[in-house]
Amino acid sequence: MNRYSTMLLLGSLTMTTFAHADALDGLFDNSIVGSISQAINDAYKPNNNNDDDRRWDDENQRRNDDDRRQYEDLHRQLEDRRRQLDNQQRQLDDQRRQLEEDERRLDDDYR
């Protein structure tokens, strides 16, 4: 009886292993494996679509460069305007001091 149950257990395990192997084989159908292989090949050896990507990257880089230049030009213009306003403010401050001095002199002269 012991031998019979051992053989039965061994046979069941063998059949279960074959069943699992068959199920796994069904999962890895040739079309699935082919799709995965193609995806891996495309990832490591891209075809001509890479030219489109490079062209897009170049255009994007040019656009970014143009935007950067435009920003720098506008920033320079603002800095120039700030310097002009600072100069005007200095002139106004000088004129105000001169006016205050003239006013003090006038007051001193008539007191």
PDB file of N, CA and C in Angstrom:
ATOM      1  N   MET A   1       0.816  -1.182   0.000  1.00  0.00           N
ATOM      2  CA  MET A   1       0.000   0.000   0.000  1.00  0.00           C
ATOM      3  C   MET A   1       0.866   1.255   0.000  1.00  0.00           C
ATOM      4  N   ASN A   2       1.958   1.183   0.686  1.00  0.00           N
ATOM      5  CA  ASN A   2       2.847   2.312   0.785  1.00  0.00           C
ATOM      6  C   ASN A   2       3.428   2.665  -0.585  1.00  0.00           C
ATOM      7  N   ARG A   3       3.817   1.664  -1.340  1.00  0.00           N
ATOM      8  CA  ARG A   3       4.364   1.889  -2.665  1.00  0.00           C
ATOM      9  C   ARG A   3       3.305   2.477  -3.587  1.00  0.00           C
ATOM     10  N   TYR A   4       2.107   1.983  -3.466  1.00  0.00           N
ATOM     11  CA  TYR A   4       1.014   2.463  -4.300  1.00  0.00           C
ATOM     12  C   TYR A   4       0.752   3.946  -4.023  1.00  0.00           C
ATOM     13  N   SER A   5       0.717   4.368  -2.773  1.00  0.00           N
ATOM     14  CA  SER A   5       0.469   5.780  -2.451  1.00  0.00           C
ATOM     15  C   SER A   5       1.655   6.652  -2.869  1.00  0.00           C
ATOM     16  N   THR A   6       2.868   6.141  -2.787  1.00  0.00           N
ATOM     17  CA  THR A   6       4.025   6.904  -3.236  1.00  0.00           C
ATOM     18  C   THR A   6       3.977   7.112  -4.731  1.00  0.00           C
ATOM     19  N   MET A   7       3.630   6.063  -5.465  1.00  0.00           N
ATOM     20  CA  MET A   7       3.524   6.172  -6.919  1.00  0.00           C
ATOM     21  C   MET A   7       2.399   7.123  -7.313  1.00  0.00           C
ATOM     22  N   LEU A   8       1.310   7.047  -6.595  1.00  0.00           N
ATOM     23  CA  LEU A   8       0.176   7.922  -6.870  1.00  0.00           C
ATOM     24  C   LEU A   8       0.554   9.384  -6.610  1.00  0.00           C
ATOM     25  N   LEU A   9       1.257   9.641  -5.515  1.00  0.00           N
ATOM     26  CA  LEU A   9       1.702  10.987  -5.182  1.00  0.00           C
ATOM     27  C   LEU A   9       2.698  11.489  -6.219  1.00  0.00           C
ATOM     28  N   LEU A  10       3.654  10.685  -6.579  1.00  0.00           N
ATOM     29  CA  LEU A  10       4.646  11.053  -7.575  1.00  0.00           C
ATOM     30  C   LEU A  10       4.003  11.313  -8.926  1.00  0.00           C
ATOM     31  N   GLY A  11       3.055  10.495  -9.310  1.00  0.00           N
ATOM     32  CA  GLY A  11       2.344  10.692 -10.580  1.00  0.00           C
ATOM     33  C   GLY A  11       1.533  11.971 -10.570  1.00  0.00           C
ATOM     34  N   SER A  12       0.882  12.271  -9.462  1.00  0.00           N
ATOM     35  CA  SER A  12       0.096  13.509  -9.347  1.00  0.00           C
ATOM     36  C   SER A  12       0.988  14.733  -9.448  1.00  0.00           C
ATOM     37  N   LEU A  13       2.126  14.694  -8.791  1.00  0.00           N
ATOM     38  CA  LEU A  13       3.058  15.826  -8.852  1.00  0.00           C
ATOM     39  C   LEU A  13       3.585  16.038 -10.269  1.00  0.00           C
ATOM     40  N   THR A  14       3.884  14.945 -10.939  1.00  0.00           N
ATOM     41  CA  THR A  14       4.373  15.032 -12.311  1.00  0.00           C
ATOM     42  C   THR A  14       3.316  15.630 -13.220  1.00  0.00           C
ATOM     43  N   MET A  15       2.081  15.180 -13.088  1.00  0.00           N
ATOM     44  CA  MET A  15       0.994  15.697 -13.922  1.00  0.00           C
ATOM     45  C   MET A  15       0.746  17.181 -13.624  1.00  0.00           C
ATOM     46  N   THR A  16       0.837  17.565 -12.350  1.00  0.00           N
ATOM     47  CA  THR A  16       0.640  18.962 -11.968  1.00  0.00           C
ATOM     48  C   THR A  16       1.724  19.840 -12.575  1.00  0.00           C
ATOM     49  N   THR A  17       2.961  19.352 -12.557  1.00  0.00           N
ATOM     50  CA  THR A  17       4.073  20.102 -13.135  1.00  0.00           C
ATOM     51  C   THR A  17       3.861  20.299 -14.626  1.00  0.00           C
ATOM     52  N   PHE A  18       3.445  19.232 -15.316  1.00  0.00           N
ATOM     53  CA  PHE A  18       3.177  19.349 -16.751  1.00  0.00           C
ATOM     54  C   PHE A  18       2.031  20.324 -17.015  1.00  0.00           C
ATOM     55  N   ALA A  19       1.025  20.302 -16.169  1.00  0.00           N
ATOM     56  CA  ALA A  19      -0.113  21.207 -16.344  1.00  0.00           C
ATOM     57  C   ALA A  19       0.323  22.653 -16.179  1.00  0.00           C
ATOM     58  N   HIS A  20       1.171  22.920 -15.174  1.00  0.00           N
ATOM     59  CA  HIS A  20       1.670  24.279 -14.976  1.00  0.00           C
ATOM     60  C   HIS A  20       2.544  24.711 -16.146  1.00  0.00           C
ATOM     61  N   ALA A  21       3.382  23.830 -16.613  1.00  0.00           N
ATOM     62  CA  ALA A  21       4.248  24.143 -17.746  1.00  0.00           C
ATOM     63  C   ALA A  21       3.417  24.437 -18.985  1.00  0.00           C
ATOM     64  N   ASP A  22       2.357  23.677 -19.193  1.00  0.00           N
ATOM     65  CA  ASP A  22       1.483  23.891 -20.339  1.00  0.00           C
ATOM     66  C   ASP A  22       0.769  25.240 -20.219  1.00  0.00           C
ATOM     67  N   ALA A  23       0.335  25.579 -19.021  1.00  0.00           N
ATOM     68  CA  ALA A  23      -0.336  26.864 -18.797  1.00  0.00           C
ATOM     69  C   ALA A  23       0.629  28.019 -19.045  1.00  0.00           C
ATOM     70  N   LEU A  24       1.867  27.902 -18.580  1.00  0.00           N
ATOM     71  CA  LEU A  24       2.862  28.944 -18.822  1.00  0.00           C
ATOM     72  C   LEU A  24       3.186  29.066 -20.298  1.00  0.00           C
ATOM     73  N   ASP A  25       3.234  27.935 -20.982  1.00  0.00           N
ATOM     74  CA  ASP A  25       3.492  27.959 -22.422  1.00  0.00           C
ATOM     75  C   ASP A  25       2.377  28.714 -23.151  1.00  0.00           C
ATOM     76  N   GLY A  26       1.148  28.552 -22.682  1.00  0.00           N
ATOM     77  CA  GLY A  26       0.024  29.275 -23.280  1.00  0.00           C
ATOM     78  C   GLY A  26       0.131  30.774 -23.048  1.00  0.00           C
ATOM     79  N   LEU A  27       0.670  31.164 -21.903  1.00  0.00           N
ATOM     80  CA  LEU A  27       0.837  32.591 -21.622  1.00  0.00           C
ATOM     81  C   LEU A  27       1.856  33.227 -22.551  1.00  0.00           C
ATOM     82  N   PHE A  28       2.915  32.492 -22.814  1.00  0.00           N
ATOM     83  CA  PHE A  28       3.977  33.026 -23.657  1.00  0.00           C
ATOM     84  C   PHE A  28       3.780  32.600 -25.099  1.00  0.00           C
ATOM     85  N   ASP A  29       2.681  33.003 -25.650  1.00  0.00           N
ATOM     86  CA  ASP A  29       2.363  32.736 -27.044  1.00  0.00           C
ATOM     87  C   ASP A  29       3.397  33.444 -27.914  1.00  0.00           C
ATOM     88  N   ASN A  30       3.611  32.948 -29.100  1.00  0.00           N
ATOM     89  CA  ASN A  30       4.614  33.534 -29.990  1.00  0.00           C
ATOM     90  C   ASN A  30       4.346  35.002 -30.302  1.00  0.00           C
ATOM     91  N   SER A  31       3.089  35.386 -30.415  1.00  0.00           N
ATOM     92  CA  SER A  31       2.790  36.782 -30.731  1.00  0.00           C
ATOM     93  C   SER A  31       3.157  37.689 -29.560  1.00  0.00           C
ATOM     94  N   ILE A  32       2.943  37.214 -28.339  1.00  0.00           N
ATOM     95  CA  ILE A  32       3.304  38.017 -27.166  1.00  0.00           C
ATOM     96  C   ILE A  32       4.817  38.163 -27.086  1.00  0.00           C
ATOM     97  N   VAL A  33       5.523  37.046 -27.277  1.00  0.00           N
ATOM     98  CA  VAL A  33       6.984  37.079 -27.245  1.00  0.00           C
ATOM     99  C   VAL A  33       7.512  37.978 -28.354  1.00  0.00           C
ATOM    100  N   GLY A  34       6.903  37.892 -29.537  1.00  0.00           N
ATOM    101  CA  GLY A  34       7.320  38.742 -30.657  1.00  0.00           C
ATOM    102  C   GLY A  34       7.108  40.214 -30.350  1.00  0.00           C
ATOM    103  N   SER A  35       5.983  40.544 -29.737  1.00  0.00           N
ATOM    104  CA  SER A  35       5.703  41.941 -29.387  1.00  0.00           C
ATOM    105  C   SER A  35       6.703  42.466 -28.373  1.00  0.00           C
ATOM    106  N   ILE A  36       6.999  41.634 -27.386  1.00  0.00           N
ATOM    107  CA  ILE A  36       7.968  42.045 -26.370  1.00  0.00           C
ATOM    108  C   ILE A  36       9.343  42.215 -26.992  1.00  0.00           C
ATOM    109  N   SER A  37       9.728  41.293 -27.855  1.00  0.00           N
ATOM    110  CA  SER A  37      11.030  41.390 -28.518  1.00  0.00           C
ATOM    111  C   SER A  37      11.105  42.652 -29.368  1.00  0.00           C
ATOM    112  N   GLN A  38      10.038  42.954 -30.082  1.00  0.00           N
ATOM    113  CA  GLN A  38      10.016  44.152 -30.927  1.00  0.00           C
ATOM    114  C   GLN A  38      10.129  45.419 -30.072  1.00  0.00           C
ATOM    115  N   ALA A  39       9.440  45.439 -28.948  1.00  0.00           N
ATOM    116  CA  ALA A  39       9.505  46.601 -28.057  1.00  0.00           C
ATOM    117  C   ALA A  39      10.920  46.797 -27.520  1.00  0.00           C
ATOM    118  N   ILE A  40      11.561  45.694 -27.153  1.00  0.00           N
ATOM    119  CA  ILE A  40      12.936  45.779 -26.651  1.00  0.00           C
ATOM    120  C   ILE A  40      13.865  46.256 -27.750  1.00  0.00           C
ATOM    121  N   ASN A  41      13.719  45.714 -28.951  1.00  0.00           N
ATOM    122  CA  ASN A  41      14.560  46.147 -30.071  1.00  0.00           C
ATOM    123  C   ASN A  41      14.350  47.625 -30.388  1.00  0.00           C
ATOM    124  N   ASP A  42      13.098  48.065 -30.366  1.00  0.00           N
ATOM    125  CA  ASP A  42      12.822  49.479 -30.630  1.00  0.00           C
ATOM    126  C   ASP A  42      13.437  50.376 -29.568  1.00  0.00           C
ATOM    127  N   ALA A  43      13.445  49.904 -28.345  1.00  0.00           N
ATOM    128  CA  ALA A  43      13.998  50.713 -27.254  1.00  0.00           C
ATOM    129  C   ALA A  43      15.513  50.843 -27.379  1.00  0.00           C
ATOM    130  N   TYR A  44      16.188  49.802 -27.803  1.00  0.00           N
ATOM    131  CA  TYR A  44      17.638  49.841 -27.876  1.00  0.00           C
ATOM    132  C   TYR A  44      18.180  50.212 -29.244  1.00  0.00           C
ATOM    133  N   LYS A  45      17.400  49.992 -30.286  1.00  0.00           N
ATOM    134  CA  LYS A  45      17.813  50.338 -31.640  1.00  0.00           C
ATOM    135  C   LYS A  45      16.660  51.054 -32.327  1.00  0.00           C
ATOM    136  N   PRO A  46      16.448  52.327 -31.988  1.00  0.00           N
ATOM    137  CA  PRO A  46      15.317  53.025 -32.587  1.00  0.00           C
ATOM    138  C   PRO A  46      15.513  53.191 -34.092  1.00  0.00           C
ATOM    139  N   ASN A  47      14.393  53.197 -34.802  1.00  0.00           N
ATOM    140  CA  ASN A  47      14.472  53.351 -36.249  1.00  0.00           C
ATOM    141  C   ASN A  47      14.428  54.826 -36.609  1.00  0.00           C
ATOM    142  N   ASN A  48      13.959  55.174 -37.774  1.00  0.00           N
ATOM    143  CA  ASN A  48      13.996  56.538 -38.278  1.00  0.00           C
ATOM    144  C   ASN A  48      13.108  57.504 -37.509  1.00  0.00           C
ATOM    145  N   ASN A  49      12.270  57.028 -36.628  1.00  0.00           N
ATOM    146  CA  ASN A  49      11.459  57.934 -35.820  1.00  0.00           C
ATOM    147  C   ASN A  49      12.340  58.830 -34.971  1.00  0.00           C
ATOM    148  N   ASN A  50      13.567  58.400 -34.746  1.00  0.00           N
ATOM    149  CA  ASN A  50      14.499  59.190 -33.960  1.00  0.00           C
ATOM    150  C   ASN A  50      14.812  60.512 -34.658  1.00  0.00           C
ATOM    151  N   ASP A  51      14.827  60.514 -36.005  1.00  0.00           N
ATOM    152  CA  ASP A  51      15.059  61.748 -36.753  1.00  0.00           C
ATOM    153  C   ASP A  51      13.975  62.766 -36.454  1.00  0.00           C
ATOM    154  N   ASP A  52      12.730  62.297 -36.379  1.00  0.00           N
ATOM    155  CA  ASP A  52      11.631  63.197 -36.040  1.00  0.00           C
ATOM    156  C   ASP A  52      11.816  63.759 -34.639  1.00  0.00           C
ATOM    157  N   ASP A  53      12.252  62.896 -33.718  1.00  0.00           N
ATOM    158  CA  ASP A  53      12.492  63.352 -32.348  1.00  0.00           C
ATOM    159  C   ASP A  53      13.607  64.393 -32.310  1.00  0.00           C
ATOM    160  N   ARG A  54      14.678  64.153 -33.059  1.00  0.00           N
ATOM    161  CA  ARG A  54      15.788  65.108 -33.103  1.00  0.00           C
ATOM    162  C   ARG A  54      15.337  66.427 -33.700  1.00  0.00           C
ATOM    163  N   ARG A  55      14.554  66.342 -34.772  1.00  0.00           N
ATOM    164  CA  ARG A  55      14.059  67.554 -35.419  1.00  0.00           C
ATOM    165  C   ARG A  55      13.192  68.343 -34.443  1.00  0.00           C
ATOM    166  N   TRP A  56      12.323  67.646 -33.718  1.00  0.00           N
ATOM    167  CA  TRP A  56      11.473  68.305 -32.732  1.00  0.00           C
ATOM    168  C   TRP A  56      12.322  68.922 -31.625  1.00  0.00           C
ATOM    169  N   ASP A  57      13.347  68.177 -31.165  1.00  0.00           N
ATOM    170  CA  ASP A  57      14.238  68.694 -30.126  1.00  0.00           C
ATOM    171  C   ASP A  57      14.973  69.939 -30.610  1.00  0.00           C
ATOM    172  N   ASP A  58      15.446  69.915 -31.879  1.00  0.00           N
ATOM    173  CA  ASP A  58      16.143  71.074 -32.433  1.00  0.00           C
ATOM    174  C   ASP A  58      15.220  72.287 -32.505  1.00  0.00           C
ATOM    175  N   GLU A  59      13.988  72.071 -32.978  1.00  0.00           N
ATOM    176  CA  GLU A  59      13.030  73.170 -33.061  1.00  0.00           C
ATOM    177  C   GLU A  59      12.705  73.698 -31.668  1.00  0.00           C
ATOM    178  N   ASN A  60      12.550  72.797 -30.744  1.00  0.00           N
ATOM    179  CA  ASN A  60      12.264  73.185 -29.366  1.00  0.00           C
ATOM    180  C   ASN A  60      13.433  73.984 -28.789  1.00  0.00           C
ATOM    181  N   GLN A  61      14.646  73.543 -29.067  1.00  0.00           N
ATOM    182  CA  GLN A  61      15.835  74.247 -28.583  1.00  0.00           C
ATOM    183  C   GLN A  61      15.920  75.639 -29.199  1.00  0.00           C
ATOM    184  N   ARG A  62      15.651  75.741 -30.524  1.00  0.00           N
ATOM    185  CA  ARG A  62      15.664  77.049 -31.183  1.00  0.00           C
ATOM    186  C   ARG A  62      14.614  77.971 -30.581  1.00  0.00           C
ATOM    187  N   ARG A  63      13.431  77.412 -30.342  1.00  0.00           N
ATOM    188  CA  ARG A  63      12.357  78.204 -29.747  1.00  0.00           C
ATOM    189  C   ARG A  63      12.763  78.687 -28.356  1.00  0.00           C
ATOM    190  N   ASN A  64      13.380  77.804 -27.585  1.00  0.00           N
ATOM    191  CA  ASN A  64      13.835  78.189 -26.248  1.00  0.00           C
ATOM    192  C   ASN A  64      14.921  79.258 -26.325  1.00  0.00           C
ATOM    193  N   ASP A  65      15.840  79.114 -27.296  1.00  0.00           N
ATOM    194  CA  ASP A  65      16.886  80.120 -27.475  1.00  0.00           C
ATOM    195  C   ASP A  65      16.283  81.468 -27.848  1.00  0.00           C
ATOM    196  N   ASP A  66      15.308  81.459 -28.758  1.00  0.00           N
ATOM    197  CA  ASP A  66      14.643  82.702 -29.163  1.00  0.00           C
ATOM    198  C   ASP A  66      13.933  83.343 -27.986  1.00  0.00           C
ATOM    199  N   ASP A  67      13.239  82.515 -27.206  1.00  0.00           N
ATOM    200  CA  ASP A  67      12.550  83.027 -26.026  1.00  0.00           C
ATOM    201  C   ASP A  67      13.545  83.623 -25.036  1.00  0.00           C
ATOM    202  N   ARG A  68      14.658  82.958 -24.866  1.00  0.00           N
ATOM    203  CA  ARG A  68      15.688  83.438 -23.940  1.00  0.00           C
ATOM    204  C   ARG A  68      16.268  84.765 -24.416  1.00  0.00           C
ATOM    205  N   ARG A  69      16.559  84.862 -25.737  1.00  0.00           N
ATOM    206  CA  ARG A  69      17.080  86.112 -26.288  1.00  0.00           C
ATOM    207  C   ARG A  69      16.078  87.248 -26.108  1.00  0.00           C
ATOM    208  N   GLN A  70      14.817  86.945 -26.379  1.00  0.00           N
ATOM    209  CA  GLN A  70      13.774  87.961 -26.228  1.00  0.00           C
ATOM    210  C   GLN A  70      13.676  88.412 -24.767  1.00  0.00           C
ATOM    211  N   TYR A  71      13.740  87.465 -23.859  1.00  0.00           N
ATOM    212  CA  TYR A  71      13.716  87.799 -22.431  1.00  0.00           C
ATOM    213  C   TYR A  71      14.902  88.697 -22.069  1.00  0.00           C
ATOM    214  N   GLU A  72      16.093  88.340 -22.536  1.00  0.00           N
ATOM    215  CA  GLU A  72      17.279  89.132 -22.214  1.00  0.00           C
ATOM    216  C   GLU A  72      17.191  90.530 -22.805  1.00  0.00           C
ATOM    217  N   ASP A  73      16.661  90.651 -24.035  1.00  0.00           N
ATOM    218  CA  ASP A  73      16.487  91.969 -24.652  1.00  0.00           C
ATOM    219  C   ASP A  73      15.521  92.828 -23.839  1.00  0.00           C
ATOM    220  N   LEU A  74      14.399  92.248 -23.464  1.00  0.00           N
ATOM    221  CA  LEU A  74      13.432  92.993 -22.658  1.00  0.00           C
ATOM    222  C   LEU A  74      14.017  93.373 -21.301  1.00  0.00           C
ATOM    223  N   HIS A  75      14.778  92.462 -20.725  1.00  0.00           N
ATOM    224  CA  HIS A  75      15.407  92.744 -19.441  1.00  0.00           C
ATOM    225  C   HIS A  75      16.405  93.889 -19.572  1.00  0.00           C
ATOM    226  N   ARG A  76      17.194  93.901 -20.655  1.00  0.00           N
ATOM    227  CA  ARG A  76      18.140  94.992 -20.895  1.00  0.00           C
ATOM    228  C   ARG A  76      17.407  96.321 -21.061  1.00  0.00           C
ATOM    229  N   GLN A  77      16.294  96.289 -21.799  1.00  0.00           N
ATOM    230  CA  GLN A  77      15.516  97.511 -21.984  1.00  0.00           C
ATOM    231  C   GLN A  77      15.000  98.043 -20.644  1.00  0.00           C
ATOM    232  N   LEU A  78      14.541  97.133 -19.812  1.00  0.00           N
ATOM    233  CA  LEU A  78      14.070  97.562 -18.491  1.00  0.00           C
ATOM    234  C   LEU A  78      15.202  98.136 -17.643  1.00  0.00           C
ATOM    235  N   GLU A  79      16.367  97.524 -17.726  1.00  0.00           N
ATOM    236  CA  GLU A  79      17.523  98.040 -16.981  1.00  0.00           C
ATOM    237  C   GLU A  79      17.919  99.422 -17.491  1.00  0.00           C
ATOM    238  N   ASP A  80      17.886  99.612 -18.811  1.00  0.00           N
ATOM    239  CA  ASP A  80      18.184 100.926 -19.380  1.00  0.00           C
ATOM    240  C   ASP A  80      17.182 101.963 -18.889  1.00  0.00           C
ATOM    241  N   ARG A  81      15.926 101.592 -18.904  1.00  0.00           N
ATOM    242  CA  ARG A  81      14.879 102.499 -18.427  1.00  0.00           C
ATOM    243  C   ARG A  81      15.084 102.817 -16.943  1.00  0.00           C
ATOM    244  N   ARG A  82      15.464 101.807 -16.158  1.00  0.00           N
ATOM    245  CA  ARG A  82      15.733 102.021 -14.730  1.00  0.00           C
ATOM    246  C   ARG A  82      16.889 103.006 -14.546  1.00  0.00           C
ATOM    247  N   ARG A  83      17.950 102.879 -15.345  1.00  0.00           N
ATOM    248  CA  ARG A  83      19.082 103.809 -15.255  1.00  0.00           C
ATOM    249  C   ARG A  83      18.653 105.224 -15.624  1.00  0.00           C
ATOM    250  N   GLN A  84      17.826 105.328 -16.661  1.00  0.00           N
ATOM    251  CA  GLN A  84      17.330 106.655 -17.050  1.00  0.00           C
ATOM    252  C   GLN A  84      16.529 107.291 -15.914  1.00  0.00           C
ATOM    253  N   LEU A  85      15.659 106.497 -15.320  1.00  0.00           N
ATOM    254  CA  LEU A  85      14.854 107.020 -14.215  1.00  0.00           C
ATOM    255  C   LEU A  85      15.722 107.398 -13.017  1.00  0.00           C
ATOM    256  N   ASP A  86      16.743 106.602 -12.752  1.00  0.00           N
ATOM    257  CA  ASP A  86      17.668 106.929 -11.663  1.00  0.00           C
ATOM    258  C   ASP A  86      18.375 108.253 -11.938  1.00  0.00           C
ATOM    259  N   ASN A  87      18.812 108.445 -13.185  1.00  0.00           N
ATOM    260  CA  ASN A  87      19.468 109.707 -13.558  1.00  0.00           C
ATOM    261  C   ASN A  87      18.505 110.882 -13.412  1.00  0.00           C
ATOM    262  N   GLN A  88      17.281 110.692 -13.874  1.00  0.00           N
ATOM    263  CA  GLN A  88      16.288 111.754 -13.734  1.00  0.00           C
ATOM    264  C   GLN A  88      16.024 112.063 -12.262  1.00  0.00           C
ATOM    265  N   GLN A  89      15.963 111.020 -11.455  1.00  0.00           N
ATOM    266  CA  GLN A  89      15.732 111.217 -10.020  1.00  0.00           C
ATOM    267  C   GLN A  89      16.885 111.987  -9.397  1.00  0.00           C
ATOM    268  N   ARG A  90      18.128 111.674  -9.782  1.00  0.00           N
ATOM    269  CA  ARG A  90      19.292 112.404  -9.274  1.00  0.00           C
ATOM    270  C   ARG A  90      19.216 113.881  -9.659  1.00  0.00           C
ATOM    271  N   GLN A  91      18.845 114.111 -10.924  1.00  0.00           N
ATOM    272  CA  GLN A  91      18.718 115.496 -11.376  1.00  0.00           C
ATOM    273  C   GLN A  91      17.646 116.237 -10.580  1.00  0.00           C
ATOM    274  N   LEU A  92      16.513 115.565 -10.352  1.00  0.00           N
ATOM    275  CA  LEU A  92      15.445 116.189  -9.564  1.00  0.00           C
ATOM    276  C   LEU A  92      15.889 116.449  -8.129  1.00  0.00           C
ATOM    277  N   ASP A  93      16.626 115.497  -7.554  1.00  0.00           N
ATOM    278  CA  ASP A  93      17.139 115.686  -6.198  1.00  0.00           C
ATOM    279  C   ASP A  93      18.099 116.880  -6.151  1.00  0.00           C
ATOM    280  N   ASP A  94      18.966 116.980  -7.149  1.00  0.00           N
ATOM    281  CA  ASP A  94      19.900 118.111  -7.222  1.00  0.00           C
ATOM    282  C   ASP A  94      19.138 119.430  -7.340  1.00  0.00           C
ATOM    283  N   GLN A  95      18.138 119.443  -8.204  1.00  0.00           N
ATOM    284  CA  GLN A  95      17.339 120.656  -8.370  1.00  0.00           C
ATOM    285  C   GLN A  95      16.610 121.022  -7.077  1.00  0.00           C
ATOM    286  N   ARG A  96      16.103 120.018  -6.379  1.00  0.00           N
ATOM    287  CA  ARG A  96      15.411 120.257  -5.117  1.00  0.00           C
ATOM    288  C   ARG A  96      16.371 120.843  -4.086  1.00  0.00           C
ATOM    289  N   ARG A  97      17.577 120.293  -4.000  1.00  0.00           N
ATOM    290  CA  ARG A  97      18.568 120.844  -3.067  1.00  0.00           C
ATOM    291  C   ARG A  97      18.919 122.290  -3.428  1.00  0.00           C
ATOM    292  N   GLN A  98      19.069 122.519  -4.703  1.00  0.00           N
ATOM    293  CA  GLN A  98      19.371 123.879  -5.154  1.00  0.00           C
ATOM    294  C   GLN A  98      18.237 124.837  -4.784  1.00  0.00           C
ATOM    295  N   LEU A  99      17.021 124.380  -5.001  1.00  0.00           N
ATOM    296  CA  LEU A  99      15.856 125.189  -4.646  1.00  0.00           C
ATOM    297  C   LEU A  99      15.817 125.469  -3.143  1.00  0.00           C
ATOM    298  N   GLU A 100      16.080 124.458  -2.336  1.00  0.00           N
ATOM    299  CA  GLU A 100      16.090 124.641  -0.888  1.00  0.00           C
ATOM    300  C   GLU A 100      17.187 125.611  -0.458  1.00  0.00           C
ATOM    301  N   GLU A 101      18.354 125.523  -1.088  1.00  0.00           N
ATOM    302  CA  GLU A 101      19.444 126.456  -0.778  1.00  0.00           C
ATOM    303  C   GLU A 101      19.047 127.881  -1.154  1.00  0.00           C
ATOM    304  N   ASP A 102      18.453 128.029  -2.317  1.00  0.00           N
ATOM    305  CA  ASP A 102      18.015 129.350  -2.752  1.00  0.00           C
ATOM    306  C   ASP A 102      16.965 129.906  -1.796  1.00  0.00           C
ATOM    307  N   GLU A 103      16.088 129.038  -1.367  1.00  0.00           N
ATOM    308  CA  GLU A 103      15.047 129.465  -0.441  1.00  0.00           C
ATOM    309  C   GLU A 103      15.660 129.895   0.902  1.00  0.00           C
ATOM    310  N   ARG A 104      16.622 129.187   1.416  1.00  0.00           N
ATOM    311  CA  ARG A 104      17.300 129.539   2.662  1.00  0.00           C
ATOM    312  C   ARG A 104      18.038 130.867   2.518  1.00  0.00           C
ATOM    313  N   ARG A 105      18.703 131.038   1.408  1.00  0.00           N
ATOM    314  CA  ARG A 105      19.420 132.283   1.163  1.00  0.00           C
ATOM    315  C   ARG A 105      18.460 133.481   1.143  1.00  0.00           C
ATOM    316  N   LEU A 106      17.342 133.245   0.475  1.00  0.00           N
ATOM    317  CA  LEU A 106      16.337 134.302   0.403  1.00  0.00           C
ATOM    318  C   LEU A 106      15.833 134.665   1.803  1.00  0.00           C
ATOM    319  N   ASP A 107      15.558 133.614   2.587  1.00  0.00           N
ATOM    320  CA  ASP A 107      15.088 133.845   3.943  1.00  0.00           C
ATOM    321  C   ASP A 107      16.159 134.571   4.770  1.00  0.00           C
ATOM    322  N   ASP A 108      17.420 134.180   4.597  1.00  0.00           N
ATOM    323  CA  ASP A 108      18.516 134.804   5.341  1.00  0.00           C
ATOM    324  C   ASP A 108      18.686 136.274   4.952  1.00  0.00           C
ATOM    325  N   ASP A 109      18.492 136.543   3.665  1.00  0.00           N
ATOM    326  CA  ASP A 109      18.663 137.893   3.182  1.00  0.00           C
ATOM    327  C   ASP A 109      17.589 138.841   3.690  1.00  0.00           C
ATOM    328  N   TYR A 110      16.397 138.371   3.899  1.00  0.00           N
ATOM    329  CA  TYR A 110      15.271 139.208   4.300  1.00  0.00           C
ATOM    330  C   TYR A 110      14.969 139.123   5.789  1.00  0.00           C
ATOM    331  N   ARG A 111      15.783 138.571   6.575  1.00  0.00           N
ATOM    332  CA  ARG A 111      15.585 138.514   8.018  1.00  0.00           C
ATOM    333  C   ARG A 111      16.513 139.399   8.717  1.00  0.00           C
TER     334      ARG A 111
END
